[in-house]
Amino acid sequence: MEHNRVLRLEHGINFRELGGYETTGGATIKWQKLLRCGGMSLLSKHDLTYLDDYGLRYDIDLRQTNEAKMSPDRYPKRTKYMNTSVYPFSDNRRFDRRLKRLIKRLIIDDSFNAQTYAQMVTDSHPVKVWQNLFATLLANDQPDQSVLFHCAAGKDRTGVAAALIMTALDVPRETILKDYLLTNAVFMAADQLDNDSIITEANNGDLASHFNSALDVEADNLKMVFHVFDDLYGGGLGYLRDVIGLSVADINTLKQLYLENAS
């Protein structure tokens, strides 16, 4: 089966692979293991057959219950569906003192988006969602079987999920940011390019750069997550250990399941 950064679906919304991204140690993420997207309510019968053949076995829906009911996912029969909502936050803006100082220092204009991103990795409700996500990733131990995670547009909640997963797999932050910004490029490209052109440019790494001038500011949202990692937990692995509860053995298992040595 061919491997593309943007999957060749008829009605997929921002449907993408994490396969092929390189880690700092020179390994690469396996294809047909980690997928991300937006809403799945419009998938065609052809799309469902494609995804079943692709190995889609877990569909983790990060949307709220009302979102999921309004636009229910379509997925193959063999796929296990889980609705585990990132929102609403449960700590009622009662921030940890260190987090409060970090937000005050970094967010000059009281940016809602950046603050929301900080809450997505610190509030007790989404933290449970990420813990469940990693439990599913660890359970997905068969070859060529994919875990998919998504929200409505496949950008914010999905972007944070992708950042956490790639952090655990030791993917450089520059790559994580490029993958995050690729969402905007896919939506911009949809108005200007045919599907084949979008896939080709995404595979070549040219799609985000094609629209780069319009994307730079958006990176600040995800950078806020990295600031939380570094300023409060001594880095991404410290966060994954102290907040998500992943052990060294868990991280090693994730790498065994989702990485392969570069050829």
C-alpha atoms as a PDB file:
ATOM      1  CA  MET A   1       0.000   0.000   0.000  1.00  0.00           C
ATOM      2  CA  GLU A   2       1.311   3.451  -0.876  1.00  0.00           C
ATOM      3  CA  HIS A   3       2.262   5.763   1.962  1.00  0.00           C
ATOM      4  CA  ASN A   4       1.396   9.459   1.828  1.00  0.00           C
ATOM      5  CA  ARG A   5       1.537  12.234   4.401  1.00  0.00           C
ATOM      6  CA  VAL A   6      -2.047  13.190   3.451  1.00  0.00           C
ATOM      7  CA  LEU A   7      -4.180  10.092   2.927  1.00  0.00           C
ATOM      8  CA  ARG A   8      -5.879   9.639  -0.430  1.00  0.00           C
ATOM      9  CA  LEU A   9      -9.498   9.696   0.752  1.00  0.00           C
ATOM     10  CA  GLU A  10     -12.607  11.025  -0.990  1.00  0.00           C
ATOM     11  CA  HIS A  11     -14.077  12.880   1.983  1.00  0.00           C
ATOM     12  CA  GLY A  12     -11.433  12.885   4.685  1.00  0.00           C
ATOM     13  CA  ILE A  13     -10.887  16.120   6.601  1.00  0.00           C
ATOM     14  CA  ASN A  14      -7.201  16.833   7.162  1.00  0.00           C
ATOM     15  CA  PHE A  15      -6.516  13.072   7.237  1.00  0.00           C
ATOM     16  CA  ARG A  16      -2.791  12.574   7.805  1.00  0.00           C
ATOM     17  CA  GLU A  17      -0.040  10.092   8.682  1.00  0.00           C
ATOM     18  CA  LEU A  18       2.674  10.554  11.277  1.00  0.00           C
ATOM     19  CA  GLY A  19       4.673   7.812   9.572  1.00  0.00           C
ATOM     20  CA  GLY A  20       8.066   8.697   8.148  1.00  0.00           C
ATOM     21  CA  TYR A  21       8.963  11.473  10.568  1.00  0.00           C
ATOM     22  CA  GLU A  22      12.528  11.094  11.854  1.00  0.00           C
ATOM     23  CA  THR A  23      13.566  11.090  15.499  1.00  0.00           C
ATOM     24  CA  THR A  24      16.644  12.775  16.937  1.00  0.00           C
ATOM     25  CA  GLY A  25      18.310   9.354  17.048  1.00  0.00           C
ATOM     26  CA  GLY A  26      17.839   8.660  13.335  1.00  0.00           C
ATOM     27  CA  ALA A  27      14.907   6.229  13.565  1.00  0.00           C
ATOM     28  CA  THR A  28      11.597   6.933  11.814  1.00  0.00           C
ATOM     29  CA  ILE A  29       7.957   6.577  12.829  1.00  0.00           C
ATOM     30  CA  LYS A  30       6.415   3.504  11.214  1.00  0.00           C
ATOM     31  CA  TRP A  31       3.706   3.959   8.594  1.00  0.00           C
ATOM     32  CA  GLN A  32       0.182   2.614   9.218  1.00  0.00           C
ATOM     33  CA  LYS A  33       0.511   3.082  12.986  1.00  0.00           C
ATOM     34  CA  LEU A  34      -0.420   6.692  13.850  1.00  0.00           C
ATOM     35  CA  LEU A  35      -3.102   8.743  12.093  1.00  0.00           C
ATOM     36  CA  ARG A  36      -4.620  12.163  12.792  1.00  0.00           C
ATOM     37  CA  CYS A  37      -7.565  13.971  11.230  1.00  0.00           C
ATOM     38  CA  GLY A  38     -10.602  16.202  11.604  1.00  0.00           C
ATOM     39  CA  GLY A  39     -14.226  15.105  11.613  1.00  0.00           C
ATOM     40  CA  MET A  40     -15.079  11.674  10.174  1.00  0.00           C
ATOM     41  CA  SER A  41     -18.817  12.010   9.568  1.00  0.00           C
ATOM     42  CA  LEU A  42     -18.481  12.501   5.794  1.00  0.00           C
ATOM     43  CA  LEU A  43     -16.297   9.489   4.992  1.00  0.00           C
ATOM     44  CA  SER A  44     -17.545   7.550   1.975  1.00  0.00           C
ATOM     45  CA  LYS A  45     -17.945   3.790   1.642  1.00  0.00           C
ATOM     46  CA  HIS A  46     -14.746   3.821  -0.413  1.00  0.00           C
ATOM     47  CA  ASP A  47     -12.985   5.701   2.405  1.00  0.00           C
ATOM     48  CA  LEU A  48     -14.109   3.143   4.994  1.00  0.00           C
ATOM     49  CA  THR A  49     -12.858   0.259   2.864  1.00  0.00           C
ATOM     50  CA  TYR A  50      -9.541   2.067   2.367  1.00  0.00           C
ATOM     51  CA  LEU A  51      -9.136   2.671   6.111  1.00  0.00           C
ATOM     52  CA  ASP A  52     -10.062  -0.916   6.962  1.00  0.00           C
ATOM     53  CA  ASP A  53      -7.420  -2.170   4.528  1.00  0.00           C
ATOM     54  CA  TYR A  54      -5.010   0.404   5.979  1.00  0.00           C
ATOM     55  CA  GLY A  55      -5.364  -1.213   9.388  1.00  0.00           C
ATOM     56  CA  LEU A  56      -7.433   1.364  11.295  1.00  0.00           C
ATOM     57  CA  ARG A  57      -8.295  -0.367  14.570  1.00  0.00           C
ATOM     58  CA  TYR A  58      -8.697   2.448  17.127  1.00  0.00           C
ATOM     59  CA  ASP A  59     -10.623   5.697  16.622  1.00  0.00           C
ATOM     60  CA  ILE A  60     -10.055   8.113  19.523  1.00  0.00           C
ATOM     61  CA  ASP A  61     -12.542  10.965  19.236  1.00  0.00           C
ATOM     62  CA  LEU A  62     -11.326  13.954  21.271  1.00  0.00           C
ATOM     63  CA  ARG A  63     -14.513  15.979  20.709  1.00  0.00           C
ATOM     64  CA  GLN A  64     -17.196  16.727  23.287  1.00  0.00           C
ATOM     65  CA  THR A  65     -20.249  14.472  23.397  1.00  0.00           C
ATOM     66  CA  ASN A  66     -22.507  17.032  21.715  1.00  0.00           C
ATOM     67  CA  GLU A  67     -20.005  17.442  18.862  1.00  0.00           C
ATOM     68  CA  ALA A  68     -19.836  13.681  18.405  1.00  0.00           C
ATOM     69  CA  LYS A  69     -23.635  13.342  18.404  1.00  0.00           C
ATOM     70  CA  MET A  70     -24.098  16.183  15.922  1.00  0.00           C
ATOM     71  CA  SER A  71     -21.517  14.763  13.472  1.00  0.00           C
ATOM     72  CA  PRO A  72     -21.000  11.103  14.379  1.00  0.00           C
ATOM     73  CA  ASP A  73     -17.882   9.326  13.186  1.00  0.00           C
ATOM     74  CA  ARG A  74     -18.002   6.801  10.380  1.00  0.00           C
ATOM     75  CA  TYR A  75     -15.398   4.069  10.785  1.00  0.00           C
ATOM     76  CA  PRO A  76     -14.768   0.466   9.674  1.00  0.00           C
ATOM     77  CA  LYS A  77     -16.548  -2.348  11.512  1.00  0.00           C
ATOM     78  CA  ARG A  78     -13.297  -3.705  12.899  1.00  0.00           C
ATOM     79  CA  THR A  79     -12.390  -0.331  14.414  1.00  0.00           C
ATOM     80  CA  LYS A  80     -12.901   0.284  18.143  1.00  0.00           C
ATOM     81  CA  TYR A  81     -14.410   3.732  18.756  1.00  0.00           C
ATOM     82  CA  MET A  82     -13.699   5.751  21.908  1.00  0.00           C
ATOM     83  CA  ASN A  83     -15.157   9.186  22.629  1.00  0.00           C
ATOM     84  CA  THR A  84     -12.912  10.821  25.232  1.00  0.00           C
ATOM     85  CA  SER A  85     -13.362  14.583  25.279  1.00  0.00           C
ATOM     86  CA  VAL A  86     -10.532  17.025  25.987  1.00  0.00           C
ATOM     87  CA  TYR A  87     -13.029  19.747  26.932  1.00  0.00           C
ATOM     88  CA  PRO A  88     -14.363  21.094  29.213  1.00  0.00           C
ATOM     89  CA  PHE A  89     -11.555  21.852  31.613  1.00  0.00           C
ATOM     90  CA  SER A  90     -12.347  20.859  35.180  1.00  0.00           C
ATOM     91  CA  ASP A  91      -9.964  22.951  37.270  1.00  0.00           C
ATOM     92  CA  ASN A  92     -11.973  26.156  36.735  1.00  0.00           C
ATOM     93  CA  ARG A  93      -8.895  28.246  35.890  1.00  0.00           C
ATOM     94  CA  ARG A  94      -7.331  27.507  39.281  1.00  0.00           C
ATOM     95  CA  PHE A  95      -3.830  27.397  37.938  1.00  0.00           C
ATOM     96  CA  ASP A  96      -0.806  25.993  39.643  1.00  0.00           C
ATOM     97  CA  ARG A  97       1.223  28.970  40.903  1.00  0.00           C
ATOM     98  CA  ARG A  98       4.156  28.139  38.632  1.00  0.00           C
ATOM     99  CA  LEU A  99       1.851  27.835  35.627  1.00  0.00           C
ATOM    100  CA  LYS A 100       0.184  31.126  36.493  1.00  0.00           C
ATOM    101  CA  ARG A 101       3.568  32.883  36.541  1.00  0.00           C
ATOM    102  CA  LEU A 102       4.535  31.225  33.252  1.00  0.00           C
ATOM    103  CA  ILE A 103       1.325  32.348  31.530  1.00  0.00           C
ATOM    104  CA  LYS A 104       1.697  35.885  32.884  1.00  0.00           C
ATOM    105  CA  ARG A 105       5.297  36.058  31.628  1.00  0.00           C
ATOM    106  CA  LEU A 106       4.676  34.614  28.171  1.00  0.00           C
ATOM    107  CA  ILE A 107       1.219  35.844  27.221  1.00  0.00           C
ATOM    108  CA  ILE A 108       1.463  39.594  26.915  1.00  0.00           C
ATOM    109  CA  ASP A 109      -1.918  40.044  25.213  1.00  0.00           C
ATOM    110  CA  ASP A 110      -3.782  37.482  27.328  1.00  0.00           C
ATOM    111  CA  SER A 111      -4.076  35.268  24.268  1.00  0.00           C
ATOM    112  CA  PHE A 112      -6.958  32.827  24.692  1.00  0.00           C
ATOM    113  CA  ASN A 113      -5.413  30.266  22.378  1.00  0.00           C
ATOM    114  CA  ALA A 114      -2.022  30.043  24.062  1.00  0.00           C
ATOM    115  CA  GLN A 115      -3.624  29.857  27.499  1.00  0.00           C
ATOM    116  CA  THR A 116      -5.982  27.136  26.297  1.00  0.00           C
ATOM    117  CA  TYR A 117      -3.020  25.149  25.004  1.00  0.00           C
ATOM    118  CA  ALA A 118      -1.338  25.457  28.406  1.00  0.00           C
ATOM    119  CA  GLN A 119      -4.513  24.167  30.057  1.00  0.00           C
ATOM    120  CA  MET A 120      -4.744  21.259  27.622  1.00  0.00           C
ATOM    121  CA  VAL A 121      -1.574  19.779  29.102  1.00  0.00           C
ATOM    122  CA  THR A 122      -2.089  20.756  32.754  1.00  0.00           C
ATOM    123  CA  ASP A 123      -5.810  20.620  33.567  1.00  0.00           C
ATOM    124  CA  SER A 124      -6.745  17.382  35.322  1.00  0.00           C
ATOM    125  CA  HIS A 125      -9.501  16.480  32.844  1.00  0.00           C
ATOM    126  CA  PRO A 126      -7.463  16.477  29.600  1.00  0.00           C
ATOM    127  CA  VAL A 127      -4.542  14.880  31.467  1.00  0.00           C
ATOM    128  CA  LYS A 128      -6.785  11.814  32.001  1.00  0.00           C
ATOM    129  CA  VAL A 129      -7.584  11.854  28.274  1.00  0.00           C
ATOM    130  CA  TRP A 130      -3.871  11.811  27.403  1.00  0.00           C
ATOM    131  CA  GLN A 131      -3.278   9.006  29.895  1.00  0.00           C
ATOM    132  CA  ASN A 132      -5.992   6.953  28.172  1.00  0.00           C
ATOM    133  CA  LEU A 133      -4.518   7.811  24.765  1.00  0.00           C
ATOM    134  CA  PHE A 134      -1.130   6.443  25.762  1.00  0.00           C
ATOM    135  CA  ALA A 135      -2.747   3.339  27.262  1.00  0.00           C
ATOM    136  CA  THR A 136      -4.340   2.676  23.859  1.00  0.00           C
ATOM    137  CA  LEU A 137      -1.029   3.291  22.087  1.00  0.00           C
ATOM    138  CA  LEU A 138       0.660   0.743  24.343  1.00  0.00           C
ATOM    139  CA  ALA A 139      -2.132  -1.776  23.678  1.00  0.00           C
ATOM    140  CA  ASN A 140      -1.788  -1.409  19.891  1.00  0.00           C
ATOM    141  CA  ASP A 141       0.944  -4.008  19.604  1.00  0.00           C
ATOM    142  CA  GLN A 142       0.084  -5.703  16.293  1.00  0.00           C
ATOM    143  CA  PRO A 143       1.939  -4.758  13.066  1.00  0.00           C
ATOM    144  CA  ASP A 144       0.235  -2.523  10.485  1.00  0.00           C
ATOM    145  CA  GLN A 145      -2.584  -1.583  12.839  1.00  0.00           C
ATOM    146  CA  SER A 146      -3.292   2.110  13.280  1.00  0.00           C
ATOM    147  CA  VAL A 147      -4.456   4.295  16.128  1.00  0.00           C
ATOM    148  CA  LEU A 148      -6.301   7.377  14.893  1.00  0.00           C
ATOM    149  CA  PHE A 149      -6.985  10.448  17.053  1.00  0.00           C
ATOM    150  CA  HIS A 150      -9.033  13.431  15.968  1.00  0.00           C
ATOM    151  CA  CYS A 151     -11.196  16.422  16.856  1.00  0.00           C
ATOM    152  CA  ALA A 152     -13.368  18.608  14.594  1.00  0.00           C
ATOM    153  CA  ALA A 153     -10.728  20.297  12.420  1.00  0.00           C
ATOM    154  CA  GLY A 154      -7.798  18.113  13.413  1.00  0.00           C
ATOM    155  CA  LYS A 155      -5.751  21.067  14.602  1.00  0.00           C
ATOM    156  CA  ASP A 156      -5.883  22.126  18.264  1.00  0.00           C
ATOM    157  CA  ARG A 157      -6.833  19.130  20.406  1.00  0.00           C
ATOM    158  CA  THR A 158      -5.421  16.811  17.754  1.00  0.00           C
ATOM    159  CA  GLY A 159      -2.292  18.949  17.448  1.00  0.00           C
ATOM    160  CA  VAL A 160      -1.580  18.680  21.169  1.00  0.00           C
ATOM    161  CA  ALA A 161      -2.143  14.903  21.057  1.00  0.00           C
ATOM    162  CA  ALA A 162       0.300  14.593  18.154  1.00  0.00           C
ATOM    163  CA  ALA A 163       2.857  16.732  19.994  1.00  0.00           C
ATOM    164  CA  LEU A 164       2.649  14.517  23.085  1.00  0.00           C
ATOM    165  CA  ILE A 165       3.039  11.328  21.051  1.00  0.00           C
ATOM    166  CA  MET A 166       5.957  12.631  18.990  1.00  0.00           C
ATOM    167  CA  THR A 167       7.623  13.976  22.126  1.00  0.00           C
ATOM    168  CA  ALA A 168       7.465  10.484  23.622  1.00  0.00           C
ATOM    169  CA  LEU A 169       9.005   9.104  20.416  1.00  0.00           C
ATOM    170  CA  ASP A 170      11.834  11.674  20.498  1.00  0.00           C
ATOM    171  CA  VAL A 171      10.822  13.552  17.342  1.00  0.00           C
ATOM    172  CA  PRO A 172      12.503  17.004  17.133  1.00  0.00           C
ATOM    173  CA  ARG A 173      10.320  19.955  18.046  1.00  0.00           C
ATOM    174  CA  GLU A 174      10.962  21.579  14.679  1.00  0.00           C
ATOM    175  CA  THR A 175       9.297  18.556  13.043  1.00  0.00           C
ATOM    176  CA  ILE A 176       6.427  18.614  15.553  1.00  0.00           C
ATOM    177  CA  LEU A 177       5.800  22.279  14.738  1.00  0.00           C
ATOM    178  CA  LYS A 178       5.905  21.639  10.991  1.00  0.00           C
ATOM    179  CA  ASP A 179       3.381  18.849  11.357  1.00  0.00           C
ATOM    180  CA  TYR A 180       1.176  21.148  13.449  1.00  0.00           C
ATOM    181  CA  LEU A 181       1.311  23.927  10.838  1.00  0.00           C
ATOM    182  CA  LEU A 182       0.570  21.465   8.056  1.00  0.00           C
ATOM    183  CA  THR A 183      -3.082  21.517   9.170  1.00  0.00           C
ATOM    184  CA  ASN A 184      -3.451  25.138   8.094  1.00  0.00           C
ATOM    185  CA  ALA A 185      -1.642  24.460   4.836  1.00  0.00           C
ATOM    186  CA  VAL A 186      -3.984  21.551   4.038  1.00  0.00           C
ATOM    187  CA  PHE A 187      -7.051  23.756   4.557  1.00  0.00           C
ATOM    188  CA  MET A 188      -5.561  26.613   2.521  1.00  0.00           C
ATOM    189  CA  ALA A 189      -4.504  24.241  -0.232  1.00  0.00           C
ATOM    190  CA  ALA A 190      -7.995  22.745  -0.443  1.00  0.00           C
ATOM    191  CA  ASP A 191      -9.216  25.997  -2.006  1.00  0.00           C
ATOM    192  CA  GLN A 192      -6.359  26.239  -4.497  1.00  0.00           C
ATOM    193  CA  LEU A 193      -5.005  22.815  -5.393  1.00  0.00           C
ATOM    194  CA  ASP A 194      -6.418  19.484  -6.489  1.00  0.00           C
ATOM    195  CA  ASN A 195      -6.075  16.512  -4.154  1.00  0.00           C
ATOM    196  CA  ASP A 196      -3.113  15.018  -6.027  1.00  0.00           C
ATOM    197  CA  SER A 197      -1.202  18.316  -5.756  1.00  0.00           C
ATOM    198  CA  ILE A 198      -1.907  18.546  -2.019  1.00  0.00           C
ATOM    199  CA  ILE A 199      -0.636  14.992  -1.476  1.00  0.00           C
ATOM    200  CA  THR A 200       2.458  15.530  -3.644  1.00  0.00           C
ATOM    201  CA  GLU A 201       3.429  18.790  -1.953  1.00  0.00           C
ATOM    202  CA  ALA A 202       2.808  17.330   1.517  1.00  0.00           C
ATOM    203  CA  ASN A 203       4.983  14.306   0.716  1.00  0.00           C
ATOM    204  CA  ASN A 204       7.776  16.564  -0.500  1.00  0.00           C
ATOM    205  CA  GLY A 205       7.530  18.790   2.567  1.00  0.00           C
ATOM    206  CA  ASP A 206       6.600  21.758   0.395  1.00  0.00           C
ATOM    207  CA  LEU A 207       2.963  22.268   1.355  1.00  0.00           C
ATOM    208  CA  ALA A 208       3.470  24.187   4.610  1.00  0.00           C
ATOM    209  CA  SER A 209       6.234  26.319   3.090  1.00  0.00           C
ATOM    210  CA  HIS A 210       3.900  27.079   0.173  1.00  0.00           C
ATOM    211  CA  PHE A 211       1.700  28.995   2.637  1.00  0.00           C
ATOM    212  CA  ASN A 212       4.373  29.822   5.194  1.00  0.00           C
ATOM    213  CA  SER A 213       3.808  33.565   5.518  1.00  0.00           C
ATOM    214  CA  ALA A 214       0.287  32.994   6.808  1.00  0.00           C
ATOM    215  CA  LEU A 215       1.256  30.340   9.341  1.00  0.00           C
ATOM    216  CA  ASP A 216       4.095  31.704  11.480  1.00  0.00           C
ATOM    217  CA  VAL A 217       1.970  33.193  14.271  1.00  0.00           C
ATOM    218  CA  GLU A 218       0.036  29.966  14.778  1.00  0.00           C
ATOM    219  CA  ALA A 219       3.192  28.204  15.962  1.00  0.00           C
ATOM    220  CA  ASP A 220       3.123  30.247  19.182  1.00  0.00           C
ATOM    221  CA  ASN A 221       0.170  28.180  20.435  1.00  0.00           C
ATOM    222  CA  LEU A 222       2.058  24.906  20.338  1.00  0.00           C
ATOM    223  CA  LYS A 223       5.241  26.572  21.583  1.00  0.00           C
ATOM    224  CA  MET A 224       3.282  27.339  24.754  1.00  0.00           C
ATOM    225  CA  VAL A 225       3.039  23.589  25.351  1.00  0.00           C
ATOM    226  CA  PHE A 226       6.812  23.312  25.014  1.00  0.00           C
ATOM    227  CA  HIS A 227       7.255  26.166  27.504  1.00  0.00           C
ATOM    228  CA  VAL A 228       5.105  24.253  29.992  1.00  0.00           C
ATOM    229  CA  PHE A 229       7.255  21.159  29.459  1.00  0.00           C
ATOM    230  CA  ASP A 230      10.539  22.996  29.937  1.00  0.00           C
ATOM    231  CA  ASP A 231       9.696  25.555  32.621  1.00  0.00           C
ATOM    232  CA  LEU A 232       7.603  23.319  34.859  1.00  0.00           C
ATOM    233  CA  TYR A 233       8.877  19.779  34.260  1.00  0.00           C
ATOM    234  CA  GLY A 234      12.417  20.049  32.943  1.00  0.00           C
ATOM    235  CA  GLY A 235      11.443  18.961  29.413  1.00  0.00           C
ATOM    236  CA  GLY A 236       9.011  16.767  27.514  1.00  0.00           C
ATOM    237  CA  LEU A 237      10.102  13.504  29.105  1.00  0.00           C
ATOM    238  CA  GLY A 238       9.786  15.043  32.566  1.00  0.00           C
ATOM    239  CA  TYR A 239       6.216  16.049  31.734  1.00  0.00           C
ATOM    240  CA  LEU A 240       5.374  12.605  30.382  1.00  0.00           C
ATOM    241  CA  ARG A 241       6.820  11.014  33.514  1.00  0.00           C
ATOM    242  CA  ASP A 242       5.443  13.368  36.179  1.00  0.00           C
ATOM    243  CA  VAL A 243       2.037  14.240  34.681  1.00  0.00           C
ATOM    244  CA  ILE A 244       1.073  11.426  32.301  1.00  0.00           C
ATOM    245  CA  GLY A 245       2.766   8.768  34.442  1.00  0.00           C
ATOM    246  CA  LEU A 246       4.782   7.056  31.713  1.00  0.00           C
ATOM    247  CA  SER A 247       7.698   4.979  32.955  1.00  0.00           C
ATOM    248  CA  VAL A 248      11.019   4.485  31.200  1.00  0.00           C
ATOM    249  CA  ALA A 249       9.741   1.028  30.228  1.00  0.00           C
ATOM    250  CA  ASP A 250       6.588   2.577  28.743  1.00  0.00           C
ATOM    251  CA  ILE A 251       8.637   4.994  26.631  1.00  0.00           C
ATOM    252  CA  ASN A 252      10.860   2.164  25.434  1.00  0.00           C
ATOM    253  CA  THR A 253       7.807   0.058  24.543  1.00  0.00           C
ATOM    254  CA  LEU A 254       6.301   2.950  22.574  1.00  0.00           C
ATOM    255  CA  LYS A 255       9.531   3.292  20.617  1.00  0.00           C
ATOM    256  CA  GLN A 256       9.605  -0.438  19.895  1.00  0.00           C
ATOM    257  CA  LEU A 257       6.001  -0.359  18.665  1.00  0.00           C
ATOM    258  CA  TYR A 258       6.072   2.843  16.633  1.00  0.00           C
ATOM    259  CA  LEU A 259       9.652   3.358  15.431  1.00  0.00           C
ATOM    260  CA  GLU A 260      11.902   1.597  12.959  1.00  0.00           C
ATOM    261  CA  ASN A 261      15.569   2.105  12.240  1.00  0.00           C
ATOM    262  CA  ALA A 262      16.334   4.249   9.233  1.00  0.00           C
ATOM    263  CA  SER A 263      17.397   2.169   6.258  1.00  0.00           C
END
